[in-house]
Amino acid sequence: MATKHSDQRAGKVELNLPLGGERVLRKMGFGAALQTLKKVLRGKTTPESRGVVRLCRQLHAKFDSANPKLDGKLVGSVVVRLVDTVEFANGLSQRLREITRIKGPSKREQLRSILMVIDEVELSALRRQVEGLRREIPRLLKELTPKPRKGGG
């Protein structure tokens, strides 16, 4: 289970995460790590949140094995955005299932309510993740592109 210890005087936060999470989070950089931590530390740790951490760790390891010199913050941010995109898409899928279950005399209001949630929550969250991925994936691709050898024919 993830726990958080804080020493406010020193401004330090120590994390005790399962699955070697601390090492991975340090490698990912603060911004991406914070997003991952929010998932894990929201309430109690669930199998789903442990799965998210495990998936992030596995994806980060694959990028690292492909090129250990990749910018860890960039890789971490891309990994977290990709995983978040899947989670937000799952939320959208849930809303669509809710629409298929609408019953009763207030169908119009129920549909309106669900569509507002889709527009204001799922789509705006997806939009932010896609915009971030559009900025970051080209940078990551550039880092993954082999450099031409100097002087070699």
N, C-alpha and C. Protein backbone atom coordinates (compact mmCIF):
# COMPACT_ATOMS: atom_id res chain seq x y z
N MET A 1 0.85 -1.18 0.00
CA MET A 1 0.00 0.00 0.00
C MET A 1 0.89 1.24 0.00
N ALA A 2 0.51 2.26 -0.75
CA ALA A 2 1.29 3.49 -0.84
C ALA A 2 1.03 4.35 0.38
N THR A 3 2.11 4.87 0.92
CA THR A 3 1.97 5.79 2.05
C THR A 3 2.80 7.02 1.76
N LYS A 4 2.46 8.10 2.44
CA LYS A 4 3.18 9.35 2.22
C LYS A 4 3.60 9.87 3.58
N HIS A 5 4.88 10.21 3.70
CA HIS A 5 5.39 10.81 4.92
C HIS A 5 5.88 12.20 4.55
N SER A 6 5.54 13.19 5.36
CA SER A 6 5.91 14.56 5.02
C SER A 6 6.59 15.24 6.19
N ASP A 7 7.69 15.92 5.92
CA ASP A 7 8.36 16.76 6.90
C ASP A 7 8.25 18.18 6.37
N GLN A 8 7.24 18.91 6.84
CA GLN A 8 6.96 20.24 6.29
C GLN A 8 8.08 21.22 6.58
N ARG A 9 8.79 21.05 7.71
CA ARG A 9 9.87 21.98 8.02
C ARG A 9 10.97 21.90 6.97
N ALA A 10 11.30 20.70 6.54
CA ALA A 10 12.37 20.53 5.57
C ALA A 10 11.85 20.61 4.14
N GLY A 11 10.53 20.62 3.96
CA GLY A 11 9.96 20.66 2.62
C GLY A 11 10.15 19.38 1.85
N LYS A 12 10.37 18.27 2.56
CA LYS A 12 10.62 16.99 1.91
C LYS A 12 9.40 16.10 2.02
N VAL A 13 9.20 15.28 0.99
CA VAL A 13 8.15 14.27 1.02
C VAL A 13 8.80 12.95 0.64
N GLU A 14 8.67 11.95 1.51
CA GLU A 14 9.19 10.63 1.22
C GLU A 14 8.02 9.75 0.80
N LEU A 15 8.25 8.91 -0.17
CA LEU A 15 7.19 8.01 -0.64
C LEU A 15 7.65 6.58 -0.48
N ASN A 16 6.78 5.75 0.02
CA ASN A 16 7.04 4.32 0.12
C ASN A 16 6.02 3.62 -0.77
N LEU A 17 6.42 3.34 -1.99
CA LEU A 17 5.50 2.76 -2.97
C LEU A 17 5.88 1.31 -3.27
N PRO A 18 4.87 0.48 -3.61
CA PRO A 18 5.16 -0.89 -4.00
C PRO A 18 5.79 -0.93 -5.39
N LEU A 19 6.31 -2.09 -5.74
CA LEU A 19 6.81 -2.36 -7.09
C LEU A 19 8.00 -1.50 -7.50
N GLY A 20 8.82 -1.07 -6.56
CA GLY A 20 9.97 -0.24 -6.91
C GLY A 20 9.57 1.11 -7.46
N GLY A 21 8.39 1.59 -7.06
CA GLY A 21 7.83 2.82 -7.61
C GLY A 21 8.66 4.06 -7.38
N GLU A 22 9.35 4.15 -6.22
CA GLU A 22 10.13 5.35 -5.93
C GLU A 22 11.21 5.56 -6.98
N ARG A 23 11.92 4.50 -7.34
CA ARG A 23 12.99 4.61 -8.34
C ARG A 23 12.41 5.06 -9.68
N VAL A 24 11.30 4.47 -10.06
CA VAL A 24 10.66 4.83 -11.32
C VAL A 24 10.21 6.29 -11.31
N LEU A 25 9.60 6.70 -10.20
CA LEU A 25 9.09 8.07 -10.12
C LEU A 25 10.23 9.09 -10.18
N ARG A 26 11.34 8.78 -9.54
CA ARG A 26 12.49 9.70 -9.62
C ARG A 26 12.96 9.82 -11.06
N LYS A 27 12.98 8.70 -11.77
CA LYS A 27 13.43 8.69 -13.15
C LYS A 27 12.47 9.46 -14.07
N MET A 28 11.17 9.38 -13.74
CA MET A 28 10.16 10.01 -14.58
C MET A 28 10.20 11.53 -14.47
N GLY A 29 10.71 12.08 -13.39
CA GLY A 29 10.69 13.52 -13.22
C GLY A 29 9.48 13.93 -12.40
N PHE A 30 9.54 15.07 -11.78
CA PHE A 30 8.53 15.50 -10.82
C PHE A 30 7.14 15.64 -11.42
N GLY A 31 7.00 16.31 -12.56
CA GLY A 31 5.67 16.56 -13.12
C GLY A 31 4.90 15.28 -13.40
N ALA A 32 5.52 14.37 -14.11
CA ALA A 32 4.86 13.11 -14.44
C ALA A 32 4.66 12.27 -13.18
N ALA A 33 5.61 12.31 -12.28
CA ALA A 33 5.49 11.54 -11.05
C ALA A 33 4.31 12.02 -10.22
N LEU A 34 4.10 13.31 -10.19
CA LEU A 34 2.99 13.86 -9.42
C LEU A 34 1.66 13.33 -9.95
N GLN A 35 1.53 13.26 -11.26
CA GLN A 35 0.29 12.74 -11.84
C GLN A 35 0.09 11.28 -11.45
N THR A 36 1.14 10.50 -11.49
CA THR A 36 1.04 9.10 -11.11
C THR A 36 0.71 8.96 -9.64
N LEU A 37 1.35 9.79 -8.81
CA LEU A 37 1.10 9.73 -7.38
C LEU A 37 -0.34 10.06 -7.04
N LYS A 38 -0.92 11.01 -7.73
CA LYS A 38 -2.32 11.36 -7.46
C LYS A 38 -3.21 10.15 -7.63
N LYS A 39 -2.92 9.33 -8.62
CA LYS A 39 -3.71 8.13 -8.85
C LYS A 39 -3.55 7.14 -7.71
N VAL A 40 -2.31 6.95 -7.28
CA VAL A 40 -2.04 5.95 -6.26
C VAL A 40 -2.50 6.40 -4.88
N LEU A 41 -2.30 7.68 -4.57
CA LEU A 41 -2.58 8.16 -3.22
C LEU A 41 -4.01 8.66 -3.01
N ARG A 42 -4.83 8.63 -4.06
CA ARG A 42 -6.25 8.99 -3.90
C ARG A 42 -6.94 7.88 -3.13
N GLY A 43 -7.23 8.14 -1.89
CA GLY A 43 -7.86 7.10 -1.08
C GLY A 43 -6.91 5.94 -0.89
N LYS A 44 -7.46 4.75 -0.80
CA LYS A 44 -6.58 3.60 -0.59
C LYS A 44 -6.16 3.02 -1.93
N THR A 45 -5.03 2.34 -1.90
CA THR A 45 -4.51 1.72 -3.11
C THR A 45 -5.41 0.56 -3.50
N THR A 46 -5.76 0.52 -4.76
CA THR A 46 -6.62 -0.54 -5.28
C THR A 46 -5.84 -1.37 -6.28
N PRO A 47 -6.33 -2.55 -6.62
CA PRO A 47 -5.65 -3.32 -7.66
C PRO A 47 -5.51 -2.53 -8.95
N GLU A 48 -6.53 -1.71 -9.25
CA GLU A 48 -6.49 -0.89 -10.47
C GLU A 48 -5.35 0.13 -10.41
N SER A 49 -5.20 0.82 -9.27
CA SER A 49 -4.14 1.82 -9.16
C SER A 49 -2.77 1.15 -9.15
N ARG A 50 -2.66 -0.03 -8.55
CA ARG A 50 -1.40 -0.76 -8.60
C ARG A 50 -1.10 -1.16 -10.04
N GLY A 51 -2.15 -1.50 -10.77
CA GLY A 51 -1.98 -1.86 -12.18
C GLY A 51 -1.49 -0.68 -13.00
N VAL A 52 -1.99 0.52 -12.68
CA VAL A 52 -1.55 1.73 -13.38
C VAL A 52 -0.06 1.96 -13.13
N VAL A 53 0.35 1.84 -11.87
CA VAL A 53 1.77 2.02 -11.53
C VAL A 53 2.61 0.97 -12.24
N ARG A 54 2.14 -0.28 -12.22
CA ARG A 54 2.87 -1.37 -12.87
C ARG A 54 2.99 -1.10 -14.37
N LEU A 55 1.90 -0.67 -15.01
CA LEU A 55 1.93 -0.38 -16.44
C LEU A 55 2.90 0.76 -16.75
N CYS A 56 2.85 1.82 -15.95
CA CYS A 56 3.78 2.94 -16.15
C CYS A 56 5.22 2.46 -16.01
N ARG A 57 5.46 1.63 -15.01
CA ARG A 57 6.81 1.12 -14.78
C ARG A 57 7.28 0.27 -15.96
N GLN A 58 6.41 -0.59 -16.46
CA GLN A 58 6.77 -1.45 -17.58
C GLN A 58 7.02 -0.64 -18.85
N LEU A 59 6.16 0.34 -19.11
CA LEU A 59 6.35 1.16 -20.30
C LEU A 59 7.65 1.97 -20.20
N HIS A 60 7.89 2.55 -19.03
CA HIS A 60 9.10 3.33 -18.83
C HIS A 60 10.33 2.44 -19.02
N ALA A 61 10.28 1.22 -18.53
CA ALA A 61 11.41 0.29 -18.68
C ALA A 61 11.66 -0.04 -20.15
N LYS A 62 10.60 -0.18 -20.94
CA LYS A 62 10.77 -0.46 -22.37
C LYS A 62 11.44 0.70 -23.08
N PHE A 63 11.01 1.93 -22.75
CA PHE A 63 11.66 3.10 -23.35
C PHE A 63 13.12 3.15 -22.93
N ASP A 64 13.37 2.88 -21.66
CA ASP A 64 14.72 2.94 -21.12
C ASP A 64 15.61 1.89 -21.78
N SER A 65 15.06 0.69 -22.01
CA SER A 65 15.86 -0.36 -22.65
C SER A 65 16.11 -0.05 -24.13
N ALA A 66 15.19 0.67 -24.77
CA ALA A 66 15.37 1.05 -26.17
C ALA A 66 16.48 2.09 -26.31
N ASN A 67 16.56 3.01 -25.34
CA ASN A 67 17.60 4.04 -25.35
C ASN A 67 17.75 4.60 -23.94
N PRO A 68 18.76 4.14 -23.20
CA PRO A 68 18.94 4.60 -21.83
C PRO A 68 19.24 6.09 -21.71
N LYS A 69 19.60 6.74 -22.81
CA LYS A 69 19.95 8.16 -22.78
C LYS A 69 18.74 9.07 -22.99
N LEU A 70 17.54 8.49 -23.11
CA LEU A 70 16.34 9.30 -23.30
C LEU A 70 16.11 10.19 -22.08
N ASP A 71 15.53 11.35 -22.33
CA ASP A 71 15.17 12.28 -21.26
C ASP A 71 14.10 11.61 -20.38
N GLY A 72 14.45 11.31 -19.13
CA GLY A 72 13.54 10.61 -18.22
C GLY A 72 12.25 11.36 -17.97
N LYS A 73 12.33 12.70 -17.87
CA LYS A 73 11.11 13.49 -17.66
C LYS A 73 10.18 13.39 -18.85
N LEU A 74 10.75 13.46 -20.05
CA LEU A 74 9.95 13.37 -21.27
C LEU A 74 9.30 12.00 -21.38
N VAL A 75 10.07 10.96 -21.16
CA VAL A 75 9.53 9.60 -21.23
C VAL A 75 8.42 9.43 -20.19
N GLY A 76 8.68 9.88 -18.97
CA GLY A 76 7.68 9.77 -17.91
C GLY A 76 6.40 10.49 -18.25
N SER A 77 6.54 11.69 -18.79
CA SER A 77 5.36 12.47 -19.15
C SER A 77 4.55 11.77 -20.25
N VAL A 78 5.24 11.25 -21.27
CA VAL A 78 4.55 10.56 -22.36
C VAL A 78 3.86 9.30 -21.83
N VAL A 79 4.56 8.54 -21.01
CA VAL A 79 3.98 7.31 -20.46
C VAL A 79 2.72 7.62 -19.66
N VAL A 80 2.81 8.60 -18.77
CA VAL A 80 1.66 8.94 -17.93
C VAL A 80 0.51 9.47 -18.79
N ARG A 81 0.82 10.31 -19.79
CA ARG A 81 -0.24 10.82 -20.67
C ARG A 81 -0.92 9.69 -21.44
N LEU A 82 -0.14 8.73 -21.92
CA LEU A 82 -0.73 7.61 -22.65
C LEU A 82 -1.64 6.78 -21.75
N VAL A 83 -1.18 6.48 -20.55
CA VAL A 83 -1.99 5.71 -19.61
C VAL A 83 -3.24 6.50 -19.21
N ASP A 84 -3.07 7.81 -18.95
CA ASP A 84 -4.22 8.66 -18.62
C ASP A 84 -5.23 8.69 -19.77
N THR A 85 -4.73 8.74 -21.00
CA THR A 85 -5.63 8.78 -22.16
C THR A 85 -6.50 7.53 -22.19
N VAL A 86 -5.91 6.39 -21.91
CA VAL A 86 -6.68 5.14 -21.87
C VAL A 86 -7.72 5.21 -20.76
N GLU A 87 -7.33 5.73 -19.59
CA GLU A 87 -8.27 5.82 -18.47
C GLU A 87 -9.42 6.78 -18.79
N PHE A 88 -9.11 7.91 -19.40
CA PHE A 88 -10.18 8.85 -19.76
C PHE A 88 -11.09 8.26 -20.83
N ALA A 89 -10.52 7.51 -21.76
CA ALA A 89 -11.33 6.85 -22.78
C ALA A 89 -12.24 5.80 -22.14
N ASN A 90 -11.74 5.12 -21.11
CA ASN A 90 -12.59 4.17 -20.38
C ASN A 90 -13.74 4.90 -19.69
N GLY A 91 -13.48 6.09 -19.16
CA GLY A 91 -14.55 6.90 -18.57
C GLY A 91 -15.60 7.27 -19.60
N LEU A 92 -15.14 7.62 -20.78
CA LEU A 92 -16.07 7.95 -21.87
C LEU A 92 -16.90 6.72 -22.24
N SER A 93 -16.27 5.59 -22.28
CA SER A 93 -16.98 4.35 -22.58
C SER A 93 -18.06 4.07 -21.53
N GLN A 94 -17.74 4.34 -20.27
CA GLN A 94 -18.72 4.18 -19.19
C GLN A 94 -19.92 5.10 -19.40
N ARG A 95 -19.68 6.33 -19.79
CA ARG A 95 -20.77 7.29 -20.04
C ARG A 95 -21.66 6.80 -21.20
N LEU A 96 -21.06 6.22 -22.20
CA LEU A 96 -21.85 5.70 -23.32
C LEU A 96 -22.74 4.55 -22.87
N ARG A 97 -22.20 3.70 -21.99
CA ARG A 97 -23.04 2.62 -21.44
C ARG A 97 -24.19 3.20 -20.62
N GLU A 98 -23.91 4.30 -19.88
CA GLU A 98 -24.98 4.95 -19.11
C GLU A 98 -26.09 5.44 -20.04
N ILE A 99 -25.71 5.97 -21.19
CA ILE A 99 -26.72 6.45 -22.14
C ILE A 99 -27.61 5.30 -22.60
N THR A 100 -27.03 4.13 -22.84
CA THR A 100 -27.84 3.00 -23.30
C THR A 100 -28.81 2.51 -22.23
N ARG A 101 -28.55 2.85 -20.95
CA ARG A 101 -29.41 2.40 -19.85
C ARG A 101 -30.43 3.45 -19.41
N ILE A 102 -30.52 4.55 -20.11
CA ILE A 102 -31.46 5.60 -19.72
C ILE A 102 -32.89 5.07 -19.83
N LYS A 103 -33.67 5.30 -18.77
CA LYS A 103 -35.07 4.88 -18.74
C LYS A 103 -35.89 5.94 -18.04
N GLY A 104 -37.16 5.85 -18.20
CA GLY A 104 -38.07 6.72 -17.46
C GLY A 104 -38.45 7.98 -18.22
N PRO A 105 -39.30 8.77 -17.58
CA PRO A 105 -39.86 9.95 -18.25
C PRO A 105 -38.84 11.09 -18.43
N SER A 106 -37.74 11.06 -17.70
CA SER A 106 -36.78 12.17 -17.80
C SER A 106 -35.59 11.83 -18.69
N LYS A 107 -35.85 11.11 -19.78
CA LYS A 107 -34.78 10.69 -20.68
C LYS A 107 -33.99 11.88 -21.21
N ARG A 108 -34.71 12.93 -21.59
CA ARG A 108 -34.04 14.10 -22.16
C ARG A 108 -33.07 14.71 -21.15
N GLU A 109 -33.50 14.86 -19.89
CA GLU A 109 -32.65 15.47 -18.87
C GLU A 109 -31.47 14.55 -18.52
N GLN A 110 -31.72 13.25 -18.46
CA GLN A 110 -30.63 12.31 -18.18
C GLN A 110 -29.59 12.35 -19.30
N LEU A 111 -30.05 12.36 -20.52
CA LEU A 111 -29.14 12.42 -21.67
C LEU A 111 -28.35 13.73 -21.65
N ARG A 112 -29.03 14.82 -21.38
CA ARG A 112 -28.37 16.13 -21.29
C ARG A 112 -27.30 16.12 -20.21
N SER A 113 -27.60 15.56 -19.07
CA SER A 113 -26.67 15.50 -17.96
C SER A 113 -25.42 14.68 -18.31
N ILE A 114 -25.62 13.53 -18.92
CA ILE A 114 -24.49 12.68 -19.30
C ILE A 114 -23.64 13.37 -20.36
N LEU A 115 -24.29 13.99 -21.34
CA LEU A 115 -23.54 14.69 -22.39
C LEU A 115 -22.73 15.85 -21.82
N MET A 116 -23.27 16.53 -20.80
CA MET A 116 -22.51 17.62 -20.17
C MET A 116 -21.25 17.08 -19.49
N VAL A 117 -21.38 15.93 -18.83
CA VAL A 117 -20.21 15.31 -18.19
C VAL A 117 -19.19 14.91 -19.25
N ILE A 118 -19.67 14.33 -20.34
CA ILE A 118 -18.76 13.95 -21.44
C ILE A 118 -18.02 15.18 -21.95
N ASP A 119 -18.77 16.25 -22.20
CA ASP A 119 -18.16 17.46 -22.75
C ASP A 119 -17.21 18.13 -21.77
N GLU A 120 -17.64 18.28 -20.52
CA GLU A 120 -16.87 19.05 -19.56
C GLU A 120 -15.76 18.26 -18.89
N VAL A 121 -15.90 16.95 -18.80
CA VAL A 121 -14.90 16.15 -18.07
C VAL A 121 -14.08 15.30 -19.03
N GLU A 122 -14.71 14.29 -19.62
CA GLU A 122 -13.94 13.35 -20.43
C GLU A 122 -13.27 14.01 -21.63
N LEU A 123 -14.03 14.75 -22.43
CA LEU A 123 -13.43 15.32 -23.64
C LEU A 123 -12.39 16.38 -23.34
N SER A 124 -12.62 17.21 -22.32
CA SER A 124 -11.61 18.22 -22.01
C SER A 124 -10.35 17.56 -21.47
N ALA A 125 -10.49 16.51 -20.68
CA ALA A 125 -9.32 15.79 -20.17
C ALA A 125 -8.58 15.10 -21.32
N LEU A 126 -9.33 14.46 -22.20
CA LEU A 126 -8.70 13.83 -23.36
C LEU A 126 -8.00 14.86 -24.23
N ARG A 127 -8.65 16.00 -24.42
CA ARG A 127 -8.08 17.07 -25.25
C ARG A 127 -6.73 17.52 -24.68
N ARG A 128 -6.66 17.71 -23.36
CA ARG A 128 -5.40 18.14 -22.73
C ARG A 128 -4.31 17.08 -22.92
N GLN A 129 -4.67 15.81 -22.74
CA GLN A 129 -3.68 14.75 -22.90
C GLN A 129 -3.20 14.66 -24.35
N VAL A 130 -4.12 14.76 -25.31
CA VAL A 130 -3.74 14.68 -26.72
C VAL A 130 -2.86 15.86 -27.10
N GLU A 131 -3.19 17.06 -26.62
CA GLU A 131 -2.35 18.23 -26.91
C GLU A 131 -0.95 18.03 -26.36
N GLY A 132 -0.85 17.50 -25.14
CA GLY A 132 0.47 17.22 -24.56
C GLY A 132 1.23 16.18 -25.36
N LEU A 133 0.52 15.12 -25.77
CA LEU A 133 1.17 14.07 -26.56
C LEU A 133 1.62 14.61 -27.91
N ARG A 134 0.85 15.50 -28.51
CA ARG A 134 1.24 16.09 -29.80
C ARG A 134 2.53 16.90 -29.67
N ARG A 135 2.76 17.50 -28.51
CA ARG A 135 4.01 18.25 -28.28
C ARG A 135 5.15 17.30 -27.96
N GLU A 136 4.88 16.28 -27.14
CA GLU A 136 5.95 15.46 -26.58
C GLU A 136 6.38 14.29 -27.46
N ILE A 137 5.46 13.66 -28.16
CA ILE A 137 5.83 12.50 -28.98
C ILE A 137 6.83 12.88 -30.08
N PRO A 138 6.67 14.00 -30.80
CA PRO A 138 7.70 14.36 -31.78
C PRO A 138 9.09 14.54 -31.15
N ARG A 139 9.14 15.10 -29.94
CA ARG A 139 10.42 15.25 -29.25
C ARG A 139 11.01 13.88 -28.91
N LEU A 140 10.15 12.96 -28.47
CA LEU A 140 10.60 11.62 -28.13
C LEU A 140 11.04 10.88 -29.39
N LEU A 141 10.31 11.03 -30.48
CA LEU A 141 10.69 10.41 -31.74
C LEU A 141 12.05 10.92 -32.20
N LYS A 142 12.27 12.21 -32.04
CA LYS A 142 13.56 12.80 -32.42
C LYS A 142 14.69 12.18 -31.61
N GLU A 143 14.46 11.98 -30.29
CA GLU A 143 15.48 11.35 -29.45
C GLU A 143 15.69 9.88 -29.80
N LEU A 144 14.66 9.22 -30.32
CA LEU A 144 14.77 7.80 -30.68
C LEU A 144 15.34 7.58 -32.08
N THR A 145 15.38 8.64 -32.88
CA THR A 145 15.90 8.53 -34.24
C THR A 145 17.42 8.38 -34.21
N PRO A 146 17.94 7.33 -34.86
CA PRO A 146 19.39 7.16 -34.85
C PRO A 146 20.09 8.35 -35.53
N LYS A 147 21.17 8.77 -34.92
CA LYS A 147 21.96 9.88 -35.48
C LYS A 147 22.89 9.31 -36.55
N PRO A 148 23.08 10.05 -37.66
CA PRO A 148 24.02 9.56 -38.67
C PRO A 148 25.44 9.55 -38.11
N ARG A 149 26.18 8.54 -38.51
CA ARG A 149 27.57 8.42 -38.04
C ARG A 149 28.45 9.43 -38.75
N LYS A 150 29.35 10.02 -37.97
CA LYS A 150 30.29 10.99 -38.54
C LYS A 150 31.44 10.24 -39.20
N GLY A 151 31.75 10.64 -40.42
CA GLY A 151 32.92 10.12 -41.12
C GLY A 151 32.75 8.71 -41.68
N GLY A 152 31.70 8.02 -41.30
CA GLY A 152 31.49 6.66 -41.80
C GLY A 152 30.67 6.69 -43.07
N GLY A 153 30.93 5.82 -44.00
CA GLY A 153 30.28 5.85 -45.29
C GLY A 153 29.13 5.05 -45.38
